């Protein structure tokens, strides 16, 4: 396995470089980065929809219900892809609402769990604080959606930069291991 990875060390380096570049773009050109992510999602949804439609109308002798499900899945994917292309703001806002709903629900559930656990564990206030932070984050996302989208994008950008740097470091180690493997084979 080491030989395989060492042979392709440059692919790992390329992934790292692209991740760092994406992260930098997320910080310095957040609107363009968000637009690119949304449009890429739209392209994926449309391509997935078209492939499901092609499977549904292919010459295979599937049951009619199987074809119907595939056709419905294909139309749904194609519809979401087209909606994303013609109205990317709706897709970005929908994603933001999904994140806000999830963090709100998580915060409420953490708060409830802390109340229930208060007799069983000491310092349940940590869980209460975690729940409150999630609730406040959700409210802020809903109160100022553009700022919330920017914050989420910056978190993704920070992750991409850190992960990219680590991949570049790993690629350099793999390159060194490849050199050592080639030298050991030649001797």
N, C-alpha and C. Protein backbone atom coordinates (compact mmCIF):
# COMPACT_ATOMS: atom_id res chain seq x y z
N UNK A 1 0.82 -1.18 0.00
CA UNK A 1 0.00 0.00 0.00
C UNK A 1 0.88 1.26 0.00
N UNK A 2 1.96 1.21 0.74
CA UNK A 2 2.86 2.36 0.77
C UNK A 2 3.40 2.65 -0.62
N UNK A 3 3.76 1.60 -1.37
CA UNK A 3 4.29 1.81 -2.71
C UNK A 3 3.25 2.50 -3.60
N UNK A 4 2.00 2.10 -3.45
CA UNK A 4 0.92 2.69 -4.25
C UNK A 4 0.77 4.17 -3.93
N UNK A 5 0.68 4.50 -2.64
CA UNK A 5 0.55 5.90 -2.24
C UNK A 5 1.81 6.70 -2.56
N UNK A 6 2.96 6.10 -2.35
CA UNK A 6 4.22 6.80 -2.62
C UNK A 6 4.35 7.10 -4.11
N UNK A 7 3.90 6.20 -4.93
CA UNK A 7 3.96 6.40 -6.38
C UNK A 7 3.07 7.58 -6.80
N UNK A 8 1.96 7.77 -6.11
CA UNK A 8 1.02 8.84 -6.45
C UNK A 8 1.07 10.00 -5.45
N UNK A 9 2.26 10.26 -4.90
CA UNK A 9 2.41 11.33 -3.90
C UNK A 9 1.95 12.67 -4.46
N UNK A 10 2.15 12.88 -5.75
CA UNK A 10 1.80 14.15 -6.36
C UNK A 10 0.30 14.38 -6.40
N UNK A 11 -0.50 13.30 -6.43
CA UNK A 11 -1.96 13.45 -6.40
C UNK A 11 -2.38 13.96 -5.02
N UNK A 12 -1.76 13.44 -3.98
CA UNK A 12 -2.05 13.90 -2.63
C UNK A 12 -1.65 15.37 -2.49
N UNK A 13 -0.50 15.72 -3.07
CA UNK A 13 -0.05 17.13 -3.03
C UNK A 13 -1.02 18.02 -3.78
N UNK A 14 -1.49 17.57 -4.93
CA UNK A 14 -2.43 18.36 -5.72
C UNK A 14 -3.74 18.57 -4.97
N UNK A 15 -4.23 17.52 -4.32
CA UNK A 15 -5.43 17.66 -3.50
C UNK A 15 -5.23 18.69 -2.40
N UNK A 16 -4.06 18.66 -1.78
CA UNK A 16 -3.76 19.62 -0.72
C UNK A 16 -3.70 21.04 -1.24
N UNK A 17 -3.05 21.22 -2.38
CA UNK A 17 -2.93 22.56 -2.97
C UNK A 17 -4.31 23.09 -3.34
N UNK A 18 -5.13 22.24 -3.96
CA UNK A 18 -6.48 22.68 -4.33
C UNK A 18 -7.31 23.01 -3.10
N UNK A 19 -7.16 22.25 -2.04
CA UNK A 19 -7.91 22.54 -0.81
C UNK A 19 -7.48 23.87 -0.22
N UNK A 20 -6.18 24.14 -0.20
CA UNK A 20 -5.69 25.43 0.31
C UNK A 20 -6.21 26.58 -0.54
N UNK A 21 -6.16 26.42 -1.87
CA UNK A 21 -6.67 27.46 -2.77
C UNK A 21 -8.16 27.70 -2.55
N UNK A 22 -8.92 26.61 -2.39
CA UNK A 22 -10.34 26.75 -2.13
C UNK A 22 -10.57 27.51 -0.82
N UNK A 23 -9.81 27.15 0.21
CA UNK A 23 -9.95 27.82 1.50
C UNK A 23 -9.63 29.30 1.42
N UNK A 24 -8.58 29.63 0.68
CA UNK A 24 -8.22 31.04 0.50
C UNK A 24 -9.33 31.79 -0.24
N UNK A 25 -9.87 31.15 -1.27
CA UNK A 25 -10.99 31.76 -2.00
C UNK A 25 -12.19 31.97 -1.10
N UNK A 26 -12.45 31.02 -0.20
CA UNK A 26 -13.59 31.15 0.72
C UNK A 26 -13.44 32.37 1.62
N UNK A 27 -12.20 32.73 1.95
CA UNK A 27 -11.96 33.90 2.81
C UNK A 27 -11.96 35.21 2.02
N UNK A 28 -11.35 35.20 0.83
CA UNK A 28 -11.16 36.45 0.11
C UNK A 28 -12.18 36.70 -1.00
N UNK A 29 -12.89 35.66 -1.43
CA UNK A 29 -13.95 35.81 -2.44
C UNK A 29 -15.12 34.92 -2.04
N UNK A 30 -15.73 35.19 -0.88
CA UNK A 30 -16.75 34.28 -0.37
C UNK A 30 -18.00 34.16 -1.26
N UNK A 31 -18.42 35.24 -1.86
CA UNK A 31 -19.63 35.18 -2.69
C UNK A 31 -19.38 34.30 -3.92
N UNK A 32 -18.23 34.48 -4.55
CA UNK A 32 -17.89 33.66 -5.72
C UNK A 32 -17.75 32.19 -5.33
N UNK A 33 -17.16 31.94 -4.17
CA UNK A 33 -16.99 30.56 -3.71
C UNK A 33 -18.33 29.92 -3.43
N UNK A 34 -19.22 30.65 -2.76
CA UNK A 34 -20.56 30.12 -2.47
C UNK A 34 -21.31 29.87 -3.77
N UNK A 35 -21.20 30.80 -4.73
CA UNK A 35 -21.87 30.62 -6.01
C UNK A 35 -21.35 29.37 -6.73
N UNK A 36 -20.03 29.16 -6.69
CA UNK A 36 -19.44 27.99 -7.34
C UNK A 36 -19.93 26.70 -6.67
N UNK A 37 -19.98 26.69 -5.34
CA UNK A 37 -20.47 25.50 -4.64
C UNK A 37 -21.92 25.20 -4.98
N UNK A 38 -22.75 26.23 -5.00
CA UNK A 38 -24.16 26.04 -5.30
C UNK A 38 -24.34 25.55 -6.73
N UNK A 39 -23.62 26.14 -7.67
CA UNK A 39 -23.74 25.72 -9.07
C UNK A 39 -23.21 24.31 -9.29
N UNK A 40 -22.15 23.94 -8.56
CA UNK A 40 -21.65 22.56 -8.65
C UNK A 40 -22.69 21.57 -8.13
N UNK A 41 -23.37 21.94 -7.03
CA UNK A 41 -24.44 21.10 -6.53
C UNK A 41 -25.54 20.96 -7.56
N UNK A 42 -25.90 22.06 -8.21
CA UNK A 42 -26.93 22.02 -9.25
C UNK A 42 -26.54 21.11 -10.40
N UNK A 43 -25.28 21.19 -10.81
CA UNK A 43 -24.80 20.33 -11.89
C UNK A 43 -24.86 18.86 -11.48
N UNK A 44 -24.48 18.57 -10.23
CA UNK A 44 -24.54 17.19 -9.74
C UNK A 44 -25.98 16.69 -9.71
N UNK A 45 -26.89 17.49 -9.17
CA UNK A 45 -28.30 17.08 -9.06
C UNK A 45 -28.89 16.83 -10.45
N UNK A 46 -28.59 17.71 -11.41
CA UNK A 46 -29.11 17.53 -12.77
C UNK A 46 -28.53 16.28 -13.43
N UNK A 47 -27.23 16.08 -13.30
CA UNK A 47 -26.59 14.90 -13.89
C UNK A 47 -27.14 13.62 -13.27
N UNK A 48 -27.34 13.64 -11.96
CA UNK A 48 -27.91 12.48 -11.28
C UNK A 48 -29.33 12.23 -11.78
N UNK A 49 -30.09 13.30 -11.96
CA UNK A 49 -31.46 13.16 -12.47
C UNK A 49 -31.50 12.60 -13.87
N UNK A 50 -30.63 13.10 -14.74
CA UNK A 50 -30.59 12.60 -16.11
C UNK A 50 -30.20 11.13 -16.14
N UNK A 51 -29.22 10.74 -15.32
CA UNK A 51 -28.81 9.34 -15.31
C UNK A 51 -29.93 8.43 -14.79
N UNK A 52 -30.67 8.90 -13.79
CA UNK A 52 -31.80 8.10 -13.30
C UNK A 52 -32.90 8.00 -14.36
N UNK A 53 -33.16 9.08 -15.09
CA UNK A 53 -34.14 9.02 -16.18
C UNK A 53 -33.70 8.06 -17.27
N UNK A 54 -32.42 8.09 -17.61
CA UNK A 54 -31.91 7.17 -18.63
C UNK A 54 -32.05 5.72 -18.18
N UNK A 55 -31.82 5.47 -16.90
CA UNK A 55 -32.00 4.11 -16.38
C UNK A 55 -33.47 3.71 -16.45
N UNK A 56 -34.35 4.67 -16.19
CA UNK A 56 -35.79 4.37 -16.20
C UNK A 56 -36.29 4.03 -17.60
N UNK A 57 -35.74 4.69 -18.62
CA UNK A 57 -36.24 4.46 -19.98
C UNK A 57 -35.38 3.47 -20.77
N UNK A 58 -34.38 2.91 -20.10
CA UNK A 58 -33.51 1.95 -20.80
C UNK A 58 -34.29 0.72 -21.18
N UNK A 59 -33.71 -0.08 -22.04
CA UNK A 59 -34.37 -1.26 -22.58
C UNK A 59 -34.48 -2.42 -21.62
N UNK A 60 -33.95 -2.32 -20.41
CA UNK A 60 -34.03 -3.43 -19.47
C UNK A 60 -35.48 -3.73 -19.12
N UNK A 61 -35.75 -4.95 -18.81
CA UNK A 61 -37.13 -5.35 -18.48
C UNK A 61 -37.34 -5.29 -16.98
N UNK A 62 -37.38 -4.07 -16.49
CA UNK A 62 -37.65 -3.88 -15.07
C UNK A 62 -39.15 -3.84 -14.85
N UNK A 63 -39.55 -4.05 -13.62
CA UNK A 63 -40.95 -3.91 -13.28
C UNK A 63 -41.36 -2.45 -13.46
N UNK A 64 -42.61 -2.23 -13.78
CA UNK A 64 -43.10 -0.87 -14.02
C UNK A 64 -42.91 0.01 -12.79
N UNK A 65 -43.06 -0.54 -11.58
CA UNK A 65 -42.89 0.26 -10.37
C UNK A 65 -41.43 0.70 -10.20
N UNK A 66 -40.49 -0.18 -10.57
CA UNK A 66 -39.08 0.20 -10.51
C UNK A 66 -38.78 1.34 -11.46
N UNK A 67 -39.33 1.25 -12.66
CA UNK A 67 -39.12 2.31 -13.64
C UNK A 67 -39.76 3.61 -13.18
N UNK A 68 -40.93 3.50 -12.58
CA UNK A 68 -41.63 4.69 -12.10
C UNK A 68 -40.86 5.41 -11.00
N UNK A 69 -40.28 4.61 -10.10
CA UNK A 69 -39.49 5.20 -9.01
C UNK A 69 -38.25 5.88 -9.57
N UNK A 70 -37.58 5.20 -10.52
CA UNK A 70 -36.40 5.80 -11.13
C UNK A 70 -36.75 7.07 -11.91
N UNK A 71 -37.87 7.04 -12.62
CA UNK A 71 -38.29 8.23 -13.38
C UNK A 71 -38.60 9.38 -12.43
N UNK A 72 -39.29 9.09 -11.32
CA UNK A 72 -39.60 10.13 -10.34
C UNK A 72 -38.32 10.69 -9.72
N UNK A 73 -37.39 9.81 -9.39
CA UNK A 73 -36.10 10.23 -8.85
C UNK A 73 -35.36 11.10 -9.87
N UNK A 74 -35.40 10.71 -11.13
CA UNK A 74 -34.73 11.47 -12.17
C UNK A 74 -35.35 12.85 -12.36
N UNK A 75 -36.68 12.91 -12.38
CA UNK A 75 -37.35 14.20 -12.52
C UNK A 75 -37.07 15.11 -11.34
N UNK A 76 -37.03 14.52 -10.15
CA UNK A 76 -36.72 15.31 -8.95
C UNK A 76 -35.31 15.89 -9.04
N UNK A 77 -34.34 15.05 -9.38
CA UNK A 77 -32.95 15.53 -9.51
C UNK A 77 -32.80 16.59 -10.59
N UNK A 78 -33.45 16.36 -11.72
CA UNK A 78 -33.39 17.34 -12.81
C UNK A 78 -34.06 18.64 -12.38
N UNK A 79 -35.18 18.54 -11.68
CA UNK A 79 -35.86 19.74 -11.20
C UNK A 79 -35.03 20.53 -10.21
N UNK A 80 -34.41 19.85 -9.27
CA UNK A 80 -33.55 20.53 -8.28
C UNK A 80 -32.35 21.16 -8.98
N UNK A 81 -31.78 20.45 -9.94
CA UNK A 81 -30.65 21.00 -10.69
C UNK A 81 -31.03 22.26 -11.45
N UNK A 82 -32.17 22.23 -12.13
CA UNK A 82 -32.63 23.41 -12.87
C UNK A 82 -32.97 24.56 -11.93
N UNK A 83 -33.63 24.25 -10.81
CA UNK A 83 -33.95 25.28 -9.82
C UNK A 83 -32.67 25.94 -9.31
N UNK A 84 -31.66 25.11 -9.06
CA UNK A 84 -30.38 25.65 -8.58
C UNK A 84 -29.74 26.55 -9.62
N UNK A 85 -29.77 26.16 -10.88
CA UNK A 85 -29.15 26.98 -11.92
C UNK A 85 -29.91 28.30 -12.13
N UNK A 86 -31.25 28.23 -12.11
CA UNK A 86 -32.03 29.43 -12.39
C UNK A 86 -32.23 30.31 -11.16
N UNK A 87 -32.08 29.73 -9.98
CA UNK A 87 -32.24 30.51 -8.75
C UNK A 87 -31.28 29.99 -7.68
N UNK A 88 -29.98 30.24 -7.84
CA UNK A 88 -29.01 29.72 -6.88
C UNK A 88 -29.19 30.30 -5.48
N UNK A 89 -29.77 31.48 -5.38
CA UNK A 89 -29.99 32.08 -4.06
C UNK A 89 -30.97 31.23 -3.25
N UNK A 90 -31.98 30.68 -3.91
CA UNK A 90 -32.95 29.83 -3.21
C UNK A 90 -32.25 28.60 -2.64
N UNK A 91 -31.35 28.00 -3.41
CA UNK A 91 -30.62 26.82 -2.95
C UNK A 91 -29.73 27.17 -1.77
N UNK A 92 -29.00 28.27 -1.86
CA UNK A 92 -28.11 28.68 -0.77
C UNK A 92 -28.92 28.99 0.49
N UNK A 93 -30.04 29.68 0.32
CA UNK A 93 -30.87 30.01 1.47
C UNK A 93 -31.50 28.76 2.08
N UNK A 94 -31.90 27.82 1.24
CA UNK A 94 -32.48 26.56 1.74
C UNK A 94 -31.46 25.78 2.56
N UNK A 95 -30.22 25.75 2.09
CA UNK A 95 -29.16 25.07 2.84
C UNK A 95 -28.94 25.75 4.19
N UNK A 96 -28.96 27.06 4.19
CA UNK A 96 -28.80 27.81 5.43
C UNK A 96 -29.94 27.51 6.40
N UNK A 97 -31.16 27.45 5.89
CA UNK A 97 -32.31 27.13 6.74
C UNK A 97 -32.20 25.72 7.31
N UNK A 98 -31.70 24.81 6.51
CA UNK A 98 -31.51 23.44 6.97
C UNK A 98 -30.50 23.40 8.12
N UNK A 99 -29.40 24.11 7.95
CA UNK A 99 -28.38 24.17 9.01
C UNK A 99 -28.96 24.81 10.27
N UNK A 100 -29.73 25.88 10.10
CA UNK A 100 -30.33 26.57 11.25
C UNK A 100 -31.31 25.65 11.97
N UNK A 101 -32.15 24.94 11.22
CA UNK A 101 -33.13 24.03 11.84
C UNK A 101 -32.42 22.91 12.59
N UNK A 102 -31.37 22.39 12.01
CA UNK A 102 -30.63 21.31 12.64
C UNK A 102 -29.97 21.78 13.94
N UNK A 103 -29.32 22.94 13.90
CA UNK A 103 -28.65 23.42 15.11
C UNK A 103 -29.66 23.82 16.18
N UNK A 104 -30.81 24.33 15.78
CA UNK A 104 -31.85 24.66 16.75
C UNK A 104 -32.37 23.40 17.43
N UNK A 105 -32.68 22.38 16.64
CA UNK A 105 -33.17 21.12 17.20
C UNK A 105 -32.12 20.48 18.10
N UNK A 106 -30.87 20.49 17.66
CA UNK A 106 -29.79 19.93 18.46
C UNK A 106 -29.66 20.66 19.79
N UNK A 107 -29.71 21.98 19.75
CA UNK A 107 -29.60 22.77 20.97
C UNK A 107 -30.73 22.49 21.95
N UNK A 108 -31.94 22.42 21.45
CA UNK A 108 -33.09 22.14 22.32
C UNK A 108 -32.95 20.75 22.94
N UNK A 109 -32.56 19.78 22.14
CA UNK A 109 -32.41 18.41 22.65
C UNK A 109 -31.28 18.31 23.66
N UNK A 110 -30.19 19.03 23.45
CA UNK A 110 -29.11 19.04 24.44
C UNK A 110 -29.57 19.67 25.75
N UNK A 111 -30.32 20.73 25.64
CA UNK A 111 -30.86 21.40 26.83
C UNK A 111 -31.78 20.46 27.61
N UNK A 112 -32.68 19.77 26.90
CA UNK A 112 -33.60 18.82 27.54
C UNK A 112 -32.81 17.67 28.18
N UNK A 113 -31.81 17.16 27.47
CA UNK A 113 -31.00 16.06 28.02
C UNK A 113 -30.29 16.51 29.29
N UNK A 114 -29.79 17.73 29.30
CA UNK A 114 -29.09 18.24 30.50
C UNK A 114 -30.05 18.34 31.68
N UNK A 115 -31.26 18.80 31.44
CA UNK A 115 -32.25 18.89 32.51
C UNK A 115 -32.55 17.50 33.07
N UNK A 116 -32.70 16.53 32.19
CA UNK A 116 -32.99 15.17 32.64
C UNK A 116 -31.82 14.53 33.36
N UNK A 117 -30.59 14.92 32.99
CA UNK A 117 -29.40 14.32 33.58
C UNK A 117 -28.90 15.06 34.82
N UNK A 118 -29.54 16.14 35.19
CA UNK A 118 -28.98 16.98 36.26
C UNK A 118 -28.85 16.25 37.59
N UNK A 119 -29.66 15.23 37.84
CA UNK A 119 -29.56 14.48 39.08
C UNK A 119 -28.55 13.34 38.99
N UNK A 120 -28.22 12.96 37.77
CA UNK A 120 -27.35 11.80 37.56
C UNK A 120 -25.88 12.15 37.34
N UNK A 121 -25.60 13.32 36.79
CA UNK A 121 -24.20 13.68 36.52
C UNK A 121 -23.91 15.06 37.10
N UNK A 122 -22.68 15.24 37.55
CA UNK A 122 -22.31 16.59 38.00
C UNK A 122 -21.96 17.46 36.79
N UNK A 123 -22.05 18.74 36.96
CA UNK A 123 -21.68 19.71 35.92
C UNK A 123 -22.47 19.54 34.63
N UNK A 124 -23.77 19.33 34.77
CA UNK A 124 -24.61 19.22 33.57
C UNK A 124 -24.72 20.54 32.84
N UNK A 125 -24.25 21.59 33.46
CA UNK A 125 -24.32 22.91 32.85
C UNK A 125 -23.48 23.00 31.58
N UNK A 126 -22.47 22.10 31.43
CA UNK A 126 -21.71 22.07 30.18
C UNK A 126 -22.63 21.73 29.01
N UNK A 127 -23.50 20.76 29.23
CA UNK A 127 -24.45 20.36 28.19
C UNK A 127 -25.49 21.46 27.97
N UNK A 128 -25.89 22.13 29.05
CA UNK A 128 -26.82 23.26 28.92
C UNK A 128 -26.17 24.36 28.08
N UNK A 129 -24.91 24.67 28.36
CA UNK A 129 -24.21 25.70 27.60
C UNK A 129 -24.07 25.31 26.12
N UNK A 130 -23.77 24.05 25.88
CA UNK A 130 -23.65 23.59 24.49
C UNK A 130 -24.99 23.75 23.77
N UNK A 131 -26.05 23.40 24.45
CA UNK A 131 -27.39 23.58 23.86
C UNK A 131 -27.71 25.04 23.61
N UNK A 132 -27.37 25.89 24.58
CA UNK A 132 -27.65 27.31 24.41
C UNK A 132 -26.84 27.92 23.27
N UNK A 133 -25.59 27.50 23.13
CA UNK A 133 -24.76 28.00 22.03
C UNK A 133 -25.38 27.60 20.69
N UNK A 134 -25.85 26.36 20.60
CA UNK A 134 -26.48 25.90 19.36
C UNK A 134 -27.76 26.70 19.07
N UNK A 135 -28.55 26.95 20.10
CA UNK A 135 -29.79 27.72 19.91
C UNK A 135 -29.47 29.15 19.47
N UNK A 136 -28.49 29.77 20.11
CA UNK A 136 -28.11 31.14 19.75
C UNK A 136 -27.58 31.18 18.31
N UNK A 137 -26.76 30.19 17.95
CA UNK A 137 -26.24 30.12 16.59
C UNK A 137 -27.38 30.01 15.57
N UNK A 138 -28.37 29.16 15.86
CA UNK A 138 -29.51 29.00 14.95
C UNK A 138 -30.29 30.30 14.82
N UNK A 139 -30.52 30.99 15.94
CA UNK A 139 -31.25 32.25 15.90
C UNK A 139 -30.47 33.29 15.10
N UNK A 140 -29.17 33.33 15.30
CA UNK A 140 -28.34 34.28 14.53
C UNK A 140 -28.37 33.96 13.04
N UNK A 141 -28.34 32.67 12.69
CA UNK A 141 -28.44 32.29 11.28
C UNK A 141 -29.74 32.77 10.68
N UNK A 142 -30.83 32.64 11.43
CA UNK A 142 -32.13 33.06 10.92
C UNK A 142 -32.29 34.58 10.94
N UNK A 143 -31.67 35.23 11.92
CA UNK A 143 -31.78 36.69 12.06
C UNK A 143 -30.99 37.40 10.97
N UNK A 144 -29.77 36.92 10.73
CA UNK A 144 -28.90 37.51 9.71
C UNK A 144 -28.40 36.40 8.79
N UNK A 145 -29.22 35.97 7.83
CA UNK A 145 -28.82 34.82 7.00
C UNK A 145 -27.55 35.04 6.20
N UNK A 146 -27.33 36.24 5.70
CA UNK A 146 -26.11 36.47 4.91
C UNK A 146 -24.86 36.33 5.77
N UNK A 147 -24.90 36.89 6.97
CA UNK A 147 -23.76 36.76 7.88
C UNK A 147 -23.58 35.30 8.29
N UNK A 148 -24.69 34.58 8.48
CA UNK A 148 -24.61 33.16 8.82
C UNK A 148 -24.00 32.34 7.70
N UNK A 149 -24.40 32.65 6.47
CA UNK A 149 -23.84 31.94 5.32
C UNK A 149 -22.34 32.21 5.21
N UNK A 150 -21.96 33.46 5.46
CA UNK A 150 -20.55 33.82 5.42
C UNK A 150 -19.76 33.08 6.50
N UNK A 151 -20.33 32.99 7.70
CA UNK A 151 -19.65 32.29 8.80
C UNK A 151 -19.48 30.81 8.48
N UNK A 152 -20.52 30.18 7.94
CA UNK A 152 -20.42 28.76 7.57
C UNK A 152 -19.38 28.58 6.47
N UNK A 153 -19.38 29.48 5.50
CA UNK A 153 -18.41 29.38 4.42
C UNK A 153 -16.99 29.56 4.94
N UNK A 154 -16.80 30.47 5.89
CA UNK A 154 -15.47 30.66 6.46
C UNK A 154 -15.02 29.43 7.27
N UNK A 155 -15.96 28.78 7.95
CA UNK A 155 -15.60 27.55 8.67
C UNK A 155 -15.16 26.48 7.68
N UNK A 156 -15.88 26.36 6.57
CA UNK A 156 -15.49 25.39 5.54
C UNK A 156 -14.14 25.77 4.96
N UNK A 157 -13.92 27.07 4.74
CA UNK A 157 -12.63 27.53 4.21
C UNK A 157 -11.49 27.23 5.16
N UNK A 158 -11.71 27.46 6.45
CA UNK A 158 -10.66 27.17 7.44
C UNK A 158 -10.35 25.68 7.45
N UNK A 159 -11.38 24.86 7.41
CA UNK A 159 -11.18 23.41 7.36
C UNK A 159 -10.37 23.04 6.11
N UNK A 160 -10.71 23.63 4.97
CA UNK A 160 -10.02 23.30 3.72
C UNK A 160 -8.55 23.68 3.79
N UNK A 161 -8.23 24.84 4.36
CA UNK A 161 -6.83 25.27 4.46
C UNK A 161 -6.04 24.31 5.36
N UNK A 162 -6.59 24.01 6.53
CA UNK A 162 -5.89 23.12 7.46
C UNK A 162 -5.72 21.73 6.85
N UNK A 163 -6.78 21.20 6.29
CA UNK A 163 -6.72 19.87 5.67
C UNK A 163 -5.74 19.87 4.50
N UNK A 164 -5.75 20.93 3.70
CA UNK A 164 -4.85 21.04 2.56
C UNK A 164 -3.39 21.06 2.98
N UNK A 165 -3.09 21.82 4.03
CA UNK A 165 -1.71 21.87 4.53
C UNK A 165 -1.27 20.49 5.02
N UNK A 166 -2.16 19.80 5.70
CA UNK A 166 -1.84 18.45 6.19
C UNK A 166 -1.63 17.48 5.03
N UNK A 167 -2.44 17.61 3.97
CA UNK A 167 -2.25 16.74 2.80
C UNK A 167 -0.92 17.03 2.10
N UNK A 168 -0.56 18.30 2.02
CA UNK A 168 0.74 18.65 1.42
C UNK A 168 1.87 18.05 2.24
N UNK A 169 1.77 18.15 3.56
CA UNK A 169 2.77 17.53 4.43
C UNK A 169 2.85 16.03 4.24
N UNK A 170 1.69 15.39 4.13
CA UNK A 170 1.67 13.93 3.90
C UNK A 170 2.28 13.58 2.55
N UNK A 171 2.01 14.42 1.54
CA UNK A 171 2.56 14.13 0.21
C UNK A 171 4.09 14.21 0.21
N UNK A 172 4.64 15.14 0.97
CA UNK A 172 6.10 15.24 1.05
C UNK A 172 6.69 14.01 1.73
N UNK A 173 6.00 13.51 2.75
CA UNK A 173 6.47 12.28 3.40
C UNK A 173 6.37 11.10 2.43
N UNK A 174 5.30 11.06 1.65
CA UNK A 174 5.14 9.97 0.67
C UNK A 174 6.20 10.05 -0.42
N UNK A 175 6.54 11.27 -0.83
CA UNK A 175 7.58 11.44 -1.84
C UNK A 175 8.91 10.93 -1.32
N UNK A 176 9.20 11.26 -0.07
CA UNK A 176 10.44 10.79 0.57
C UNK A 176 10.43 9.26 0.67
N UNK A 177 9.27 8.69 1.00
CA UNK A 177 9.16 7.24 1.10
C UNK A 177 9.34 6.59 -0.27
N UNK A 178 8.86 7.24 -1.32
CA UNK A 178 9.03 6.71 -2.68
C UNK A 178 10.50 6.68 -3.05
N UNK A 179 11.21 7.74 -2.73
CA UNK A 179 12.65 7.80 -3.01
C UNK A 179 13.38 6.69 -2.28
N UNK A 180 13.02 6.47 -1.01
CA UNK A 180 13.67 5.41 -0.24
C UNK A 180 13.31 4.04 -0.79
N UNK A 181 12.09 3.85 -1.29
CA UNK A 181 11.66 2.58 -1.84
C UNK A 181 12.42 2.31 -3.14
N UNK A 182 12.56 3.31 -4.00
CA UNK A 182 13.29 3.14 -5.26
C UNK A 182 14.76 2.83 -4.98
N UNK A 183 15.37 3.53 -4.03
CA UNK A 183 16.78 3.27 -3.69
C UNK A 183 16.97 1.85 -3.16
N UNK A 184 16.00 1.38 -2.34
CA UNK A 184 16.14 0.03 -1.79
C UNK A 184 15.98 -1.02 -2.89
N UNK A 185 15.17 -0.74 -3.91
CA UNK A 185 15.01 -1.68 -5.00
C UNK A 185 16.26 -1.74 -5.89
N UNK A 186 16.93 -0.59 -6.03
CA UNK A 186 18.12 -0.53 -6.88
C UNK A 186 19.33 -1.16 -6.21
N UNK A 187 19.37 -1.22 -4.88
CA UNK A 187 20.54 -1.77 -4.22
C UNK A 187 20.48 -3.27 -4.09
